[in-house]
Amino acid sequence: YSSENIKVFDSVSLNTNDMWVMMRKAYKITYERYKDEFSW
């Protein structure tokens, strides 16, 4: 999960440089996408 879009590697772009906002967004996306697939 990257702060911005990077062409070198695949990533989920969060469009923010703030680490707390990055963490919040990453967890929110993770839950929405994988809540039924992973337990940890």
PDB file of all heavy atoms in Angstrom:
ATOM      1  N   TYR A   1       0.864  -1.178   0.000  1.00  0.00           N
ATOM      2  CA  TYR A   1       0.000   0.000   0.000  1.00  0.00           C
ATOM      3  C   TYR A   1       0.901   1.227   0.000  1.00  0.00           C
ATOM      4  O   TYR A   1       1.607   1.475   0.969  1.00  0.00           O
ATOM      5  CB  TYR A   1      -0.913  -0.017   1.222  1.00  0.00           C
ATOM      6  CG  TYR A   1      -2.000  -1.071   1.140  1.00  0.00           C
ATOM      7  CD1 TYR A   1      -1.720  -2.409   1.414  1.00  0.00           C
ATOM      8  CD2 TYR A   1      -3.302  -0.734   0.774  1.00  0.00           C
ATOM      9  CE1 TYR A   1      -2.708  -3.386   1.329  1.00  0.00           C
ATOM     10  CE2 TYR A   1      -4.301  -1.705   0.690  1.00  0.00           C
ATOM     11  CZ  TYR A   1      -3.986  -3.022   0.966  1.00  0.00           C
ATOM     12  OH  TYR A   1      -4.971  -3.988   0.878  1.00  0.00           O
ATOM     13  N   SER A   2       0.870   1.964  -1.098  1.00  0.00           N
ATOM     14  CA  SER A   2       1.810   3.067  -1.269  1.00  0.00           C
ATOM     15  C   SER A   2       1.138   4.429  -1.137  1.00  0.00           C
ATOM     16  O   SER A   2      -0.067   4.577  -1.376  1.00  0.00           O
ATOM     17  CB  SER A   2       2.498   2.971  -2.639  1.00  0.00           C
ATOM     18  OG  SER A   2       1.530   3.014  -3.677  1.00  0.00           O
ATOM     19  N   SER A   3       1.946   5.423  -0.763  1.00  0.00           N
ATOM     20  CA  SER A   3       1.442   6.778  -0.582  1.00  0.00           C
ATOM     21  C   SER A   3       0.995   7.395  -1.909  1.00  0.00           C
ATOM     22  O   SER A   3       0.159   8.291  -1.930  1.00  0.00           O
ATOM     23  CB  SER A   3       2.519   7.651   0.068  1.00  0.00           C
ATOM     24  OG  SER A   3       3.699   7.642  -0.719  1.00  0.00           O
ATOM     25  N   GLU A   4       1.566   6.915  -2.995  1.00  0.00           N
ATOM     26  CA  GLU A   4       1.195   7.400  -4.328  1.00  0.00           C
ATOM     27  C   GLU A   4       1.445   6.306  -5.354  1.00  0.00           C
ATOM     28  O   GLU A   4       2.062   5.281  -5.059  1.00  0.00           O
ATOM     29  CB  GLU A   4       2.002   8.651  -4.672  1.00  0.00           C
ATOM     30  CG  GLU A   4       3.508   8.427  -4.684  1.00  0.00           C
ATOM     31  CD  GLU A   4       4.297   9.712  -4.846  1.00  0.00           C
ATOM     32  OE1 GLU A   4       4.454  10.439  -3.856  1.00  0.00           O
ATOM     33  OE2 GLU A   4       4.744   9.989  -5.985  1.00  0.00           O
ATOM     34  N   ASN A   5       0.954   6.530  -6.554  1.00  0.00           N
ATOM     35  CA  ASN A   5       1.120   5.529  -7.607  1.00  0.00           C
ATOM     36  C   ASN A   5       2.580   5.450  -8.047  1.00  0.00           C
ATOM     37  O   ASN A   5       3.196   6.462  -8.376  1.00  0.00           O
ATOM     38  CB  ASN A   5       0.230   5.899  -8.801  1.00  0.00           C
ATOM     39  CG  ASN A   5       0.262   4.811  -9.872  1.00  0.00           C
ATOM     40  OD1 ASN A   5       0.229   3.626  -9.558  1.00  0.00           O
ATOM     41  ND2 ASN A   5       0.339   5.212 -11.125  1.00  0.00           N
ATOM     42  N   ILE A   6       3.132   4.261  -8.015  1.00  0.00           N
ATOM     43  CA  ILE A   6       4.525   4.029  -8.426  1.00  0.00           C
ATOM     44  C   ILE A   6       4.520   3.051  -9.606  1.00  0.00           C
ATOM     45  O   ILE A   6       3.957   1.955  -9.518  1.00  0.00           O
ATOM     46  CB  ILE A   6       5.356   3.427  -7.264  1.00  0.00           C
ATOM     47  CG1 ILE A   6       5.272   4.315  -6.020  1.00  0.00           C
ATOM     48  CG2 ILE A   6       6.796   3.236  -7.692  1.00  0.00           C
ATOM     49  CD1 ILE A   6       5.911   5.663  -6.167  1.00  0.00           C
ATOM     50  N   LYS A   7       5.155   3.442 -10.697  1.00  0.00           N
ATOM     51  CA  LYS A   7       5.129   2.605 -11.898  1.00  0.00           C
ATOM     52  C   LYS A   7       6.043   1.383 -11.792  1.00  0.00           C
ATOM     53  O   LYS A   7       5.824   0.376 -12.461  1.00  0.00           O
ATOM     54  CB  LYS A   7       5.531   3.438 -13.113  1.00  0.00           C
ATOM     55  CG  LYS A   7       4.519   4.546 -13.447  1.00  0.00           C
ATOM     56  CD  LYS A   7       4.950   5.327 -14.675  1.00  0.00           C
ATOM     57  CE  LYS A   7       3.935   6.424 -15.007  1.00  0.00           C
ATOM     58  NZ  LYS A   7       4.354   7.223 -16.194  1.00  0.00           N
ATOM     59  N   VAL A   8       7.054   1.481 -10.934  1.00  0.00           N
ATOM     60  CA  VAL A   8       8.055   0.402 -10.857  1.00  0.00           C
ATOM     61  C   VAL A   8       7.452  -0.896 -10.334  1.00  0.00           C
ATOM     62  O   VAL A   8       7.724  -1.977 -10.850  1.00  0.00           O
ATOM     63  CB  VAL A   8       9.240   0.831  -9.955  1.00  0.00           C
ATOM     64  CG1 VAL A   8      10.310  -0.265  -9.930  1.00  0.00           C
ATOM     65  CG2 VAL A   8       9.831   2.136 -10.445  1.00  0.00           C
ATOM     66  N   PHE A   9       6.615  -0.813  -9.272  1.00  0.00           N
ATOM     67  CA  PHE A   9       6.019  -1.997  -8.661  1.00  0.00           C
ATOM     68  C   PHE A   9       4.504  -1.841  -8.559  1.00  0.00           C
ATOM     69  O   PHE A   9       3.981  -0.724  -8.468  1.00  0.00           O
ATOM     70  CB  PHE A   9       6.575  -2.230  -7.249  1.00  0.00           C
ATOM     71  CG  PHE A   9       8.054  -2.458  -7.189  1.00  0.00           C
ATOM     72  CD1 PHE A   9       8.869  -1.645  -6.420  1.00  0.00           C
ATOM     73  CD2 PHE A   9       8.641  -3.489  -7.903  1.00  0.00           C
ATOM     74  CE1 PHE A   9      10.238  -1.848  -6.357  1.00  0.00           C
ATOM     75  CE2 PHE A   9      10.009  -3.705  -7.845  1.00  0.00           C
ATOM     76  CZ  PHE A   9      10.809  -2.887  -7.078  1.00  0.00           C
ATOM     77  N   ASP A  10       3.834  -2.983  -8.554  1.00  0.00           N
ATOM     78  CA  ASP A  10       2.388  -2.967  -8.334  1.00  0.00           C
ATOM     79  C   ASP A  10       2.098  -2.609  -6.887  1.00  0.00           C
ATOM     80  O   ASP A  10       2.752  -3.096  -5.969  1.00  0.00           O
ATOM     81  CB  ASP A  10       1.784  -4.344  -8.636  1.00  0.00           C
ATOM     82  CG  ASP A  10       1.811  -4.665 -10.125  1.00  0.00           C
ATOM     83  OD1 ASP A  10       1.792  -3.713 -10.925  1.00  0.00           O
ATOM     84  OD2 ASP A  10       1.853  -5.858 -10.471  1.00  0.00           O
ATOM     85  N   SER A  11       1.105  -1.753  -6.690  1.00  0.00           N
ATOM     86  CA  SER A  11       0.723  -1.389  -5.329  1.00  0.00           C
ATOM     87  C   SER A  11      -0.691  -0.823  -5.332  1.00  0.00           C
ATOM     88  O   SER A  11      -1.236  -0.484  -6.382  1.00  0.00           O
ATOM     89  CB  SER A  11       1.685  -0.354  -4.739  1.00  0.00           C
ATOM     90  OG  SER A  11       1.590   0.874  -5.447  1.00  0.00           O
ATOM     91  N   VAL A  12      -1.253  -0.752  -4.138  1.00  0.00           N
ATOM     92  CA  VAL A  12      -2.548  -0.093  -3.954  1.00  0.00           C
ATOM     93  C   VAL A  12      -2.246   1.349  -3.566  1.00  0.00           C
ATOM     94  O   VAL A  12      -1.687   1.603  -2.502  1.00  0.00           O
ATOM     95  CB  VAL A  12      -3.379  -0.783  -2.850  1.00  0.00           C
ATOM     96  CG1 VAL A  12      -4.710  -0.060  -2.671  1.00  0.00           C
ATOM     97  CG2 VAL A  12      -3.593  -2.255  -3.178  1.00  0.00           C
ATOM     98  N   SER A  13      -2.580   2.289  -4.439  1.00  0.00           N
ATOM     99  CA  SER A  13      -2.262   3.691  -4.187  1.00  0.00           C
ATOM    100  C   SER A  13      -3.275   4.298  -3.219  1.00  0.00           C
ATOM    101  O   SER A  13      -4.481   4.199  -3.418  1.00  0.00           O
ATOM    102  CB  SER A  13      -2.263   4.476  -5.500  1.00  0.00           C
ATOM    103  OG  SER A  13      -1.958   5.830  -5.266  1.00  0.00           O
ATOM    104  N   LEU A  14      -2.766   4.943  -2.161  1.00  0.00           N
ATOM    105  CA  LEU A  14      -3.627   5.524  -1.135  1.00  0.00           C
ATOM    106  C   LEU A  14      -3.739   7.047  -1.250  1.00  0.00           C
ATOM    107  O   LEU A  14      -4.548   7.665  -0.572  1.00  0.00           O
ATOM    108  CB  LEU A  14      -3.084   5.152   0.254  1.00  0.00           C
ATOM    109  CG  LEU A  14      -3.018   3.649   0.547  1.00  0.00           C
ATOM    110  CD1 LEU A  14      -2.322   3.400   1.874  1.00  0.00           C
ATOM    111  CD2 LEU A  14      -4.407   3.028   0.555  1.00  0.00           C
ATOM    112  N   ASN A  15      -2.898   7.643  -2.086  1.00  0.00           N
ATOM    113  CA  ASN A  15      -2.949   9.084  -2.368  1.00  0.00           C
ATOM    114  C   ASN A  15      -2.860   9.956  -1.113  1.00  0.00           C
ATOM    115  O   ASN A  15      -3.601  10.927  -0.955  1.00  0.00           O
ATOM    116  CB  ASN A  15      -4.228   9.425  -3.151  1.00  0.00           C
ATOM    117  CG  ASN A  15      -4.287   8.692  -4.480  1.00  0.00           C
ATOM    118  OD1 ASN A  15      -3.303   8.659  -5.212  1.00  0.00           O
ATOM    119  ND2 ASN A  15      -5.427   8.086  -4.771  1.00  0.00           N
ATOM    120  N   THR A  16      -1.972   9.603  -0.235  1.00  0.00           N
ATOM    121  CA  THR A  16      -1.693  10.421   0.940  1.00  0.00           C
ATOM    122  C   THR A  16      -0.299  10.096   1.435  1.00  0.00           C
ATOM    123  O   THR A  16       0.176   8.968   1.289  1.00  0.00           O
ATOM    124  CB  THR A  16      -2.712  10.175   2.071  1.00  0.00           C
ATOM    125  OG1 THR A  16      -2.347  10.975   3.215  1.00  0.00           O
ATOM    126  CG2 THR A  16      -2.728   8.707   2.499  1.00  0.00           C
ATOM    127  N   ASN A  17       0.358  11.094   2.029  1.00  0.00           N
ATOM    128  CA  ASN A  17       1.700  10.890   2.568  1.00  0.00           C
ATOM    129  C   ASN A  17       1.675  10.729   4.075  1.00  0.00           C
ATOM    130  O   ASN A  17       2.688  10.452   4.701  1.00  0.00           O
ATOM    131  CB  ASN A  17       2.593  12.088   2.192  1.00  0.00           C
ATOM    132  CG  ASN A  17       4.052  11.708   2.154  1.00  0.00           C
ATOM    133  OD1 ASN A  17       4.430  10.685   1.590  1.00  0.00           O
ATOM    134  ND2 ASN A  17       4.892  12.534   2.766  1.00  0.00           N
ATOM    135  N   ASP A  18       0.507  10.889   4.673  1.00  0.00           N
ATOM    136  CA  ASP A  18       0.333  10.795   6.119  1.00  0.00           C
ATOM    137  C   ASP A  18       0.242   9.327   6.539  1.00  0.00           C
ATOM    138  O   ASP A  18      -0.642   8.598   6.084  1.00  0.00           O
ATOM    139  CB  ASP A  18      -0.943  11.540   6.524  1.00  0.00           C
ATOM    140  CG  ASP A  18      -1.134  11.596   8.028  1.00  0.00           C
ATOM    141  OD1 ASP A  18      -1.456  10.542   8.610  1.00  0.00           O
ATOM    142  OD2 ASP A  18      -0.983  12.684   8.614  1.00  0.00           O
ATOM    143  N   MET A  19       1.135   8.878   7.415  1.00  0.00           N
ATOM    144  CA  MET A  19       1.202   7.460   7.773  1.00  0.00           C
ATOM    145  C   MET A  19      -0.063   6.954   8.475  1.00  0.00           C
ATOM    146  O   MET A  19      -0.489   5.820   8.268  1.00  0.00           O
ATOM    147  CB  MET A  19       2.424   7.189   8.648  1.00  0.00           C
ATOM    148  CG  MET A  19       3.738   7.203   7.892  1.00  0.00           C
ATOM    149  SD  MET A  19       3.825   5.943   6.588  1.00  0.00           S
ATOM    150  CE  MET A  19       3.896   4.441   7.565  1.00  0.00           C
ATOM    151  N   TRP A  20      -0.665   7.790   9.307  1.00  0.00           N
ATOM    152  CA  TRP A  20      -1.888   7.376   9.985  1.00  0.00           C
ATOM    153  C   TRP A  20      -3.040   7.222   8.997  1.00  0.00           C
ATOM    154  O   TRP A  20      -3.794   6.255   9.036  1.00  0.00           O
ATOM    155  CB  TRP A  20      -2.243   8.369  11.080  1.00  0.00           C
ATOM    156  CG  TRP A  20      -3.607   8.204  11.703  1.00  0.00           C
ATOM    157  CD1 TRP A  20      -4.533   9.177  11.911  1.00  0.00           C
ATOM    158  CD2 TRP A  20      -4.197   6.997  12.234  1.00  0.00           C
ATOM    159  NE1 TRP A  20      -5.661   8.669  12.527  1.00  0.00           N
ATOM    160  CE2 TRP A  20      -5.477   7.333  12.737  1.00  0.00           C
ATOM    161  CE3 TRP A  20      -3.770   5.673  12.318  1.00  0.00           C
ATOM    162  CZ2 TRP A  20      -6.331   6.395  13.320  1.00  0.00           C
ATOM    163  CZ3 TRP A  20      -4.620   4.739  12.900  1.00  0.00           C
ATOM    164  CH2 TRP A  20      -5.873   5.093  13.384  1.00  0.00           C
ATOM    165  N   VAL A  21      -3.150   8.160   8.062  1.00  0.00           N
ATOM    166  CA  VAL A  21      -4.191   8.061   7.039  1.00  0.00           C
ATOM    167  C   VAL A  21      -3.927   6.851   6.143  1.00  0.00           C
ATOM    168  O   VAL A  21      -4.853   6.130   5.757  1.00  0.00           O
ATOM    169  CB  VAL A  21      -4.279   9.361   6.208  1.00  0.00           C
ATOM    170  CG1 VAL A  21      -5.373   9.247   5.140  1.00  0.00           C
ATOM    171  CG2 VAL A  21      -4.557  10.556   7.102  1.00  0.00           C
ATOM    172  N   MET A  22      -2.665   6.592   5.838  1.00  0.00           N
ATOM    173  CA  MET A  22      -2.305   5.411   5.041  1.00  0.00           C
ATOM    174  C   MET A  22      -2.740   4.133   5.747  1.00  0.00           C
ATOM    175  O   MET A  22      -3.336   3.242   5.143  1.00  0.00           O
ATOM    176  CB  MET A  22      -0.791   5.376   4.783  1.00  0.00           C
ATOM    177  CG  MET A  22      -0.292   6.348   3.738  1.00  0.00           C
ATOM    178  SD  MET A  22       1.506   6.239   3.512  1.00  0.00           S
ATOM    179  CE  MET A  22       1.671   4.575   2.798  1.00  0.00           C
ATOM    180  N   MET A  23      -2.439   4.059   7.053  1.00  0.00           N
ATOM    181  CA  MET A  23      -2.790   2.866   7.823  1.00  0.00           C
ATOM    182  C   MET A  23      -4.302   2.676   7.865  1.00  0.00           C
ATOM    183  O   MET A  23      -4.809   1.558   7.653  1.00  0.00           O
ATOM    184  CB  MET A  23      -2.219   2.971   9.234  1.00  0.00           C
ATOM    185  CG  MET A  23      -2.460   1.735  10.094  1.00  0.00           C
ATOM    186  SD  MET A  23      -1.770   1.898  11.773  1.00  0.00           S
ATOM    187  CE  MET A  23      -0.034   1.583  11.463  1.00  0.00           C
ATOM    188  N   ARG A  24      -5.035   3.747   8.128  1.00  0.00           N
ATOM    189  CA  ARG A  24      -6.505   3.684   8.180  1.00  0.00           C
ATOM    190  C   ARG A  24      -7.076   3.169   6.857  1.00  0.00           C
ATOM    191  O   ARG A  24      -7.912   2.267   6.823  1.00  0.00           O
ATOM    192  CB  ARG A  24      -7.076   5.075   8.455  1.00  0.00           C
ATOM    193  CG  ARG A  24      -6.921   5.587   9.863  1.00  0.00           C
ATOM    194  CD  ARG A  24      -7.244   7.070   9.926  1.00  0.00           C
ATOM    195  NE  ARG A  24      -8.615   7.357   9.513  1.00  0.00           N
ATOM    196  CZ  ARG A  24      -9.609   7.601  10.355  1.00  0.00           C
ATOM    197  NH1 ARG A  24      -9.382   7.596  11.661  1.00  0.00           N
ATOM    198  NH2 ARG A  24     -10.814   7.864   9.913  1.00  0.00           N
ATOM    199  N   LYS A  25      -6.609   3.784   5.768  1.00  0.00           N
ATOM    200  CA  LYS A  25      -7.118   3.416   4.443  1.00  0.00           C
ATOM    201  C   LYS A  25      -6.772   1.969   4.092  1.00  0.00           C
ATOM    202  O   LYS A  25      -7.597   1.235   3.546  1.00  0.00           O
ATOM    203  CB  LYS A  25      -6.562   4.359   3.382  1.00  0.00           C
ATOM    204  CG  LYS A  25      -7.188   5.738   3.376  1.00  0.00           C
ATOM    205  CD  LYS A  25      -6.701   6.537   2.173  1.00  0.00           C
ATOM    206  CE  LYS A  25      -7.452   7.856   2.037  1.00  0.00           C
ATOM    207  NZ  LYS A  25      -7.037   8.598   0.825  1.00  0.00           N
ATOM    208  N   ALA A  26      -5.530   1.571   4.408  1.00  0.00           N
ATOM    209  CA  ALA A  26      -5.088   0.207   4.100  1.00  0.00           C
ATOM    210  C   ALA A  26      -5.935  -0.821   4.832  1.00  0.00           C
ATOM    211  O   ALA A  26      -6.383  -1.817   4.247  1.00  0.00           O
ATOM    212  CB  ALA A  26      -3.613   0.032   4.456  1.00  0.00           C
ATOM    213  N   TYR A  27      -6.180  -0.591   6.124  1.00  0.00           N
ATOM    214  CA  TYR A  27      -7.011  -1.513   6.903  1.00  0.00           C
ATOM    215  C   TYR A  27      -8.452  -1.546   6.384  1.00  0.00           C
ATOM    216  O   TYR A  27      -9.079  -2.601   6.332  1.00  0.00           O
ATOM    217  CB  TYR A  27      -7.002  -1.115   8.375  1.00  0.00           C
ATOM    218  CG  TYR A  27      -5.845  -1.669   9.169  1.00  0.00           C
ATOM    219  CD1 TYR A  27      -5.170  -0.873  10.104  1.00  0.00           C
ATOM    220  CD2 TYR A  27      -5.418  -2.992   9.014  1.00  0.00           C
ATOM    221  CE1 TYR A  27      -4.113  -1.387  10.853  1.00  0.00           C
ATOM    222  CE2 TYR A  27      -4.362  -3.500   9.755  1.00  0.00           C
ATOM    223  CZ  TYR A  27      -3.713  -2.696  10.672  1.00  0.00           C
ATOM    224  OH  TYR A  27      -2.673  -3.210  11.409  1.00  0.00           O
ATOM    225  N   LYS A  28      -8.973  -0.385   6.016  1.00  0.00           N
ATOM    226  CA  LYS A  28     -10.356  -0.313   5.544  1.00  0.00           C
ATOM    227  C   LYS A  28     -10.519  -1.075   4.227  1.00  0.00           C
ATOM    228  O   LYS A  28     -11.453  -1.861   4.056  1.00  0.00           O
ATOM    229  CB  LYS A  28     -10.765   1.150   5.353  1.00  0.00           C
ATOM    230  CG  LYS A  28     -12.243   1.336   5.063  1.00  0.00           C
ATOM    231  CD  LYS A  28     -12.629   2.801   5.076  1.00  0.00           C
ATOM    232  CE  LYS A  28     -14.133   2.943   4.819  1.00  0.00           C
ATOM    233  NZ  LYS A  28     -14.538   4.379   4.806  1.00  0.00           N
ATOM    234  N   ILE A  29      -9.582  -0.870   3.299  1.00  0.00           N
ATOM    235  CA  ILE A  29      -9.613  -1.576   2.013  1.00  0.00           C
ATOM    236  C   ILE A  29      -9.458  -3.077   2.238  1.00  0.00           C
ATOM    237  O   ILE A  29     -10.164  -3.891   1.634  1.00  0.00           O
ATOM    238  CB  ILE A  29      -8.498  -1.054   1.078  1.00  0.00           C
ATOM    239  CG1 ILE A  29      -8.787   0.395   0.667  1.00  0.00           C
ATOM    240  CG2 ILE A  29      -8.362  -1.947  -0.155  1.00  0.00           C
ATOM    241  CD1 ILE A  29      -7.624   1.076  -0.023  1.00  0.00           C
ATOM    242  N   THR A  30      -8.528  -3.435   3.126  1.00  0.00           N
ATOM    243  CA  THR A  30      -8.280  -4.844   3.434  1.00  0.00           C
ATOM    244  C   THR A  30      -9.542  -5.530   3.956  1.00  0.00           C
ATOM    245  O   THR A  30      -9.887  -6.626   3.518  1.00  0.00           O
ATOM    246  CB  THR A  30      -7.149  -4.974   4.476  1.00  0.00           C
ATOM    247  OG1 THR A  30      -5.939  -4.487   3.901  1.00  0.00           O
ATOM    248  CG2 THR A  30      -6.956  -6.419   4.904  1.00  0.00           C
ATOM    249  N   TYR A  31     -10.212  -4.879   4.884  1.00  0.00           N
ATOM    250  CA  TYR A  31     -11.431  -5.480   5.455  1.00  0.00           C
ATOM    251  C   TYR A  31     -12.504  -5.648   4.391  1.00  0.00           C
ATOM    252  O   TYR A  31     -13.146  -6.703   4.299  1.00  0.00           O
ATOM    253  CB  TYR A  31     -11.956  -4.619   6.599  1.00  0.00           C
ATOM    254  CG  TYR A  31     -13.178  -5.217   7.255  1.00  0.00           C
ATOM    255  CD1 TYR A  31     -13.078  -6.346   8.076  1.00  0.00           C
ATOM    256  CD2 TYR A  31     -14.451  -4.684   7.045  1.00  0.00           C
ATOM    257  CE1 TYR A  31     -14.190  -6.920   8.668  1.00  0.00           C
ATOM    258  CE2 TYR A  31     -15.577  -5.245   7.627  1.00  0.00           C
ATOM    259  CZ  TYR A  31     -15.440  -6.355   8.434  1.00  0.00           C
ATOM    260  OH  TYR A  31     -16.554  -6.931   9.012  1.00  0.00           O
ATOM    261  N   GLU A  32     -12.698  -4.627   3.583  1.00  0.00           N
ATOM    262  CA  GLU A  32     -13.738  -4.689   2.546  1.00  0.00           C
ATOM    263  C   GLU A  32     -13.469  -5.806   1.534  1.00  0.00           C
ATOM    264  O   GLU A  32     -14.389  -6.476   1.077  1.00  0.00           O
ATOM    265  CB  GLU A  32     -13.843  -3.341   1.841  1.00  0.00           C
ATOM    266  CG  GLU A  32     -14.427  -2.236   2.714  1.00  0.00           C
ATOM    267  CD  GLU A  32     -14.299  -0.855   2.083  1.00  0.00           C
ATOM    268  OE1 GLU A  32     -13.638  -0.749   1.013  1.00  0.00           O
ATOM    269  OE2 GLU A  32     -14.851   0.104   2.656  1.00  0.00           O
ATOM    270  N   ARG A  33     -12.208  -6.000   1.211  1.00  0.00           N
ATOM    271  CA  ARG A  33     -11.861  -6.968   0.159  1.00  0.00           C
ATOM    272  C   ARG A  33     -11.659  -8.401   0.673  1.00  0.00           C
ATOM    273  O   ARG A  33     -11.959  -9.363  -0.035  1.00  0.00           O
ATOM    274  CB  ARG A  33     -10.583  -6.520  -0.556  1.00  0.00           C
ATOM    275  CG  ARG A  33     -10.744  -5.261  -1.379  1.00  0.00           C
ATOM    276  CD  ARG A  33      -9.436  -4.917  -2.083  1.00  0.00           C
ATOM    277  NE  ARG A  33      -9.559  -3.709  -2.888  1.00  0.00           N
ATOM    278  CZ  ARG A  33      -8.548  -3.155  -3.568  1.00  0.00           C
ATOM    279  NH1 ARG A  33      -7.330  -3.704  -3.499  1.00  0.00           N
ATOM    280  NH2 ARG A  33      -8.736  -2.062  -4.276  1.00  0.00           N
ATOM    281  N   TYR A  34     -11.133  -8.532   1.897  1.00  0.00           N
ATOM    282  CA  TYR A  34     -10.672  -9.859   2.327  1.00  0.00           C
ATOM    283  C   TYR A  34     -11.268 -10.364   3.637  1.00  0.00           C
ATOM    284  O   TYR A  34     -10.765 -11.323   4.209  1.00  0.00           O
ATOM    285  CB  TYR A  34      -9.139  -9.844   2.438  1.00  0.00           C
ATOM    286  CG  TYR A  34      -8.460  -9.443   1.159  1.00  0.00           C
ATOM    287  CD1 TYR A  34      -7.754  -8.239   1.065  1.00  0.00           C
ATOM    288  CD2 TYR A  34      -8.540 -10.249   0.020  1.00  0.00           C
ATOM    289  CE1 TYR A  34      -7.141  -7.865  -0.119  1.00  0.00           C
ATOM    290  CE2 TYR A  34      -7.924  -9.878  -1.162  1.00  0.00           C
ATOM    291  CZ  TYR A  34      -7.234  -8.686  -1.238  1.00  0.00           C
ATOM    292  OH  TYR A  34      -6.630  -8.312  -2.417  1.00  0.00           O
ATOM    293  N   LYS A  35     -12.332  -9.742   4.115  1.00  0.00           N
ATOM    294  CA  LYS A  35     -12.916 -10.153   5.400  1.00  0.00           C
ATOM    295  C   LYS A  35     -13.412 -11.591   5.396  1.00  0.00           C
ATOM    296  O   LYS A  35     -13.495 -12.234   6.448  1.00  0.00           O
ATOM    297  CB  LYS A  35     -14.053  -9.212   5.791  1.00  0.00           C
ATOM    298  CG  LYS A  35     -15.201  -9.177   4.793  1.00  0.00           C
ATOM    299  CD  LYS A  35     -16.241  -8.142   5.201  1.00  0.00           C
ATOM    300  CE  LYS A  35     -17.339  -8.028   4.164  1.00  0.00           C
ATOM    301  NZ  LYS A  35     -18.311  -6.970   4.506  1.00  0.00           N
ATOM    302  N   ASP A  36     -13.741 -12.118   4.223  1.00  0.00           N
ATOM    303  CA  ASP A  36     -14.240 -13.495   4.138  1.00  0.00           C
ATOM    304  C   ASP A  36     -13.166 -14.489   3.692  1.00  0.00           C
ATOM    305  O   ASP A  36     -13.438 -15.677   3.553  1.00  0.00           O
ATOM    306  CB  ASP A  36     -15.434 -13.569   3.171  1.00  0.00           C
ATOM    307  CG  ASP A  36     -16.614 -12.736   3.638  1.00  0.00           C
ATOM    308  OD1 ASP A  36     -16.867 -12.715   4.864  1.00  0.00           O
ATOM    309  OD2 ASP A  36     -17.262 -12.086   2.799  1.00  0.00           O
ATOM    310  N   GLU A  37     -11.954 -13.988   3.455  1.00  0.00           N
ATOM    311  CA  GLU A  37     -10.901 -14.849   2.904  1.00  0.00           C
ATOM    312  C   GLU A  37      -9.775 -15.140   3.894  1.00  0.00           C
ATOM    313  O   GLU A  37      -9.170 -16.215   3.856  1.00  0.00           O
ATOM    314  CB  GLU A  37     -10.332 -14.190   1.645  1.00  0.00           C
ATOM    315  CG  GLU A  37      -9.441 -15.099   0.825  1.00  0.00           C
ATOM    316  CD  GLU A  37      -9.013 -14.462  -0.486  1.00  0.00           C
ATOM    317  OE1 GLU A  37      -9.643 -13.467  -0.915  1.00  0.00           O
ATOM    318  OE2 GLU A  37      -8.028 -14.952  -1.076  1.00  0.00           O
ATOM    319  N   PHE A  38      -9.486 -14.182   4.780  1.00  0.00           N
ATOM    320  CA  PHE A  38      -8.390 -14.348   5.738  1.00  0.00           C
ATOM    321  C   PHE A  38      -8.882 -14.075   7.154  1.00  0.00           C
ATOM    322  O   PHE A  38      -9.845 -13.336   7.357  1.00  0.00           O
ATOM    323  CB  PHE A  38      -7.238 -13.390   5.412  1.00  0.00           C
ATOM    324  CG  PHE A  38      -6.609 -13.642   4.077  1.00  0.00           C
ATOM    325  CD1 PHE A  38      -7.035 -12.936   2.958  1.00  0.00           C
ATOM    326  CD2 PHE A  38      -5.605 -14.576   3.924  1.00  0.00           C
ATOM    327  CE1 PHE A  38      -6.471 -13.169   1.711  1.00  0.00           C
ATOM    328  CE2 PHE A  38      -5.034 -14.830   2.690  1.00  0.00           C
ATOM    329  CZ  PHE A  38      -5.471 -14.112   1.577  1.00  0.00           C
ATOM    330  N   SER A  39      -8.199 -14.708   8.118  1.00  0.00           N
ATOM    331  CA  SER A  39      -8.554 -14.513   9.526  1.00  0.00           C
ATOM    332  C   SER A  39      -7.510 -13.710  10.288  1.00  0.00           C
ATOM    333  O   SER A  39      -7.787 -13.190  11.372  1.00  0.00           O
ATOM    334  CB  SER A  39      -8.729 -15.877  10.213  1.00  0.00           C
ATOM    335  OG  SER A  39      -9.791 -16.594   9.616  1.00  0.00           O
ATOM    336  N   TRP A  40      -6.297 -13.613   9.725  1.00  0.00           N
ATOM    337  CA  TRP A  40      -5.214 -12.896  10.393  1.00  0.00           C
ATOM    338  C   TRP A  40      -4.578 -11.902   9.430  1.00  0.00           C
ATOM    339  O   TRP A  40      -4.356 -12.218   8.251  1.00  0.00           O
ATOM    340  CB  TRP A  40      -4.153 -13.870  10.902  1.00  0.00           C
ATOM    341  CG  TRP A  40      -4.676 -14.799  11.955  1.00  0.00           C
ATOM    342  CD1 TRP A  40      -5.055 -16.094  11.797  1.00  0.00           C
ATOM    343  CD2 TRP A  40      -4.893 -14.482  13.343  1.00  0.00           C
ATOM    344  NE1 TRP A  40      -5.493 -16.613  12.988  1.00  0.00           N
ATOM    345  CE2 TRP A  40      -5.408 -15.645  13.961  1.00  0.00           C
ATOM    346  CE3 TRP A  40      -4.697 -13.332  14.120  1.00  0.00           C
ATOM    347  CZ2 TRP A  40      -5.725 -15.685  15.314  1.00  0.00           C
ATOM    348  CZ3 TRP A  40      -5.020 -13.367  15.462  1.00  0.00           C
ATOM    349  CH2 TRP A  40      -5.522 -14.538  16.054  1.00  0.00           C
TER     350      TRP A  40
END
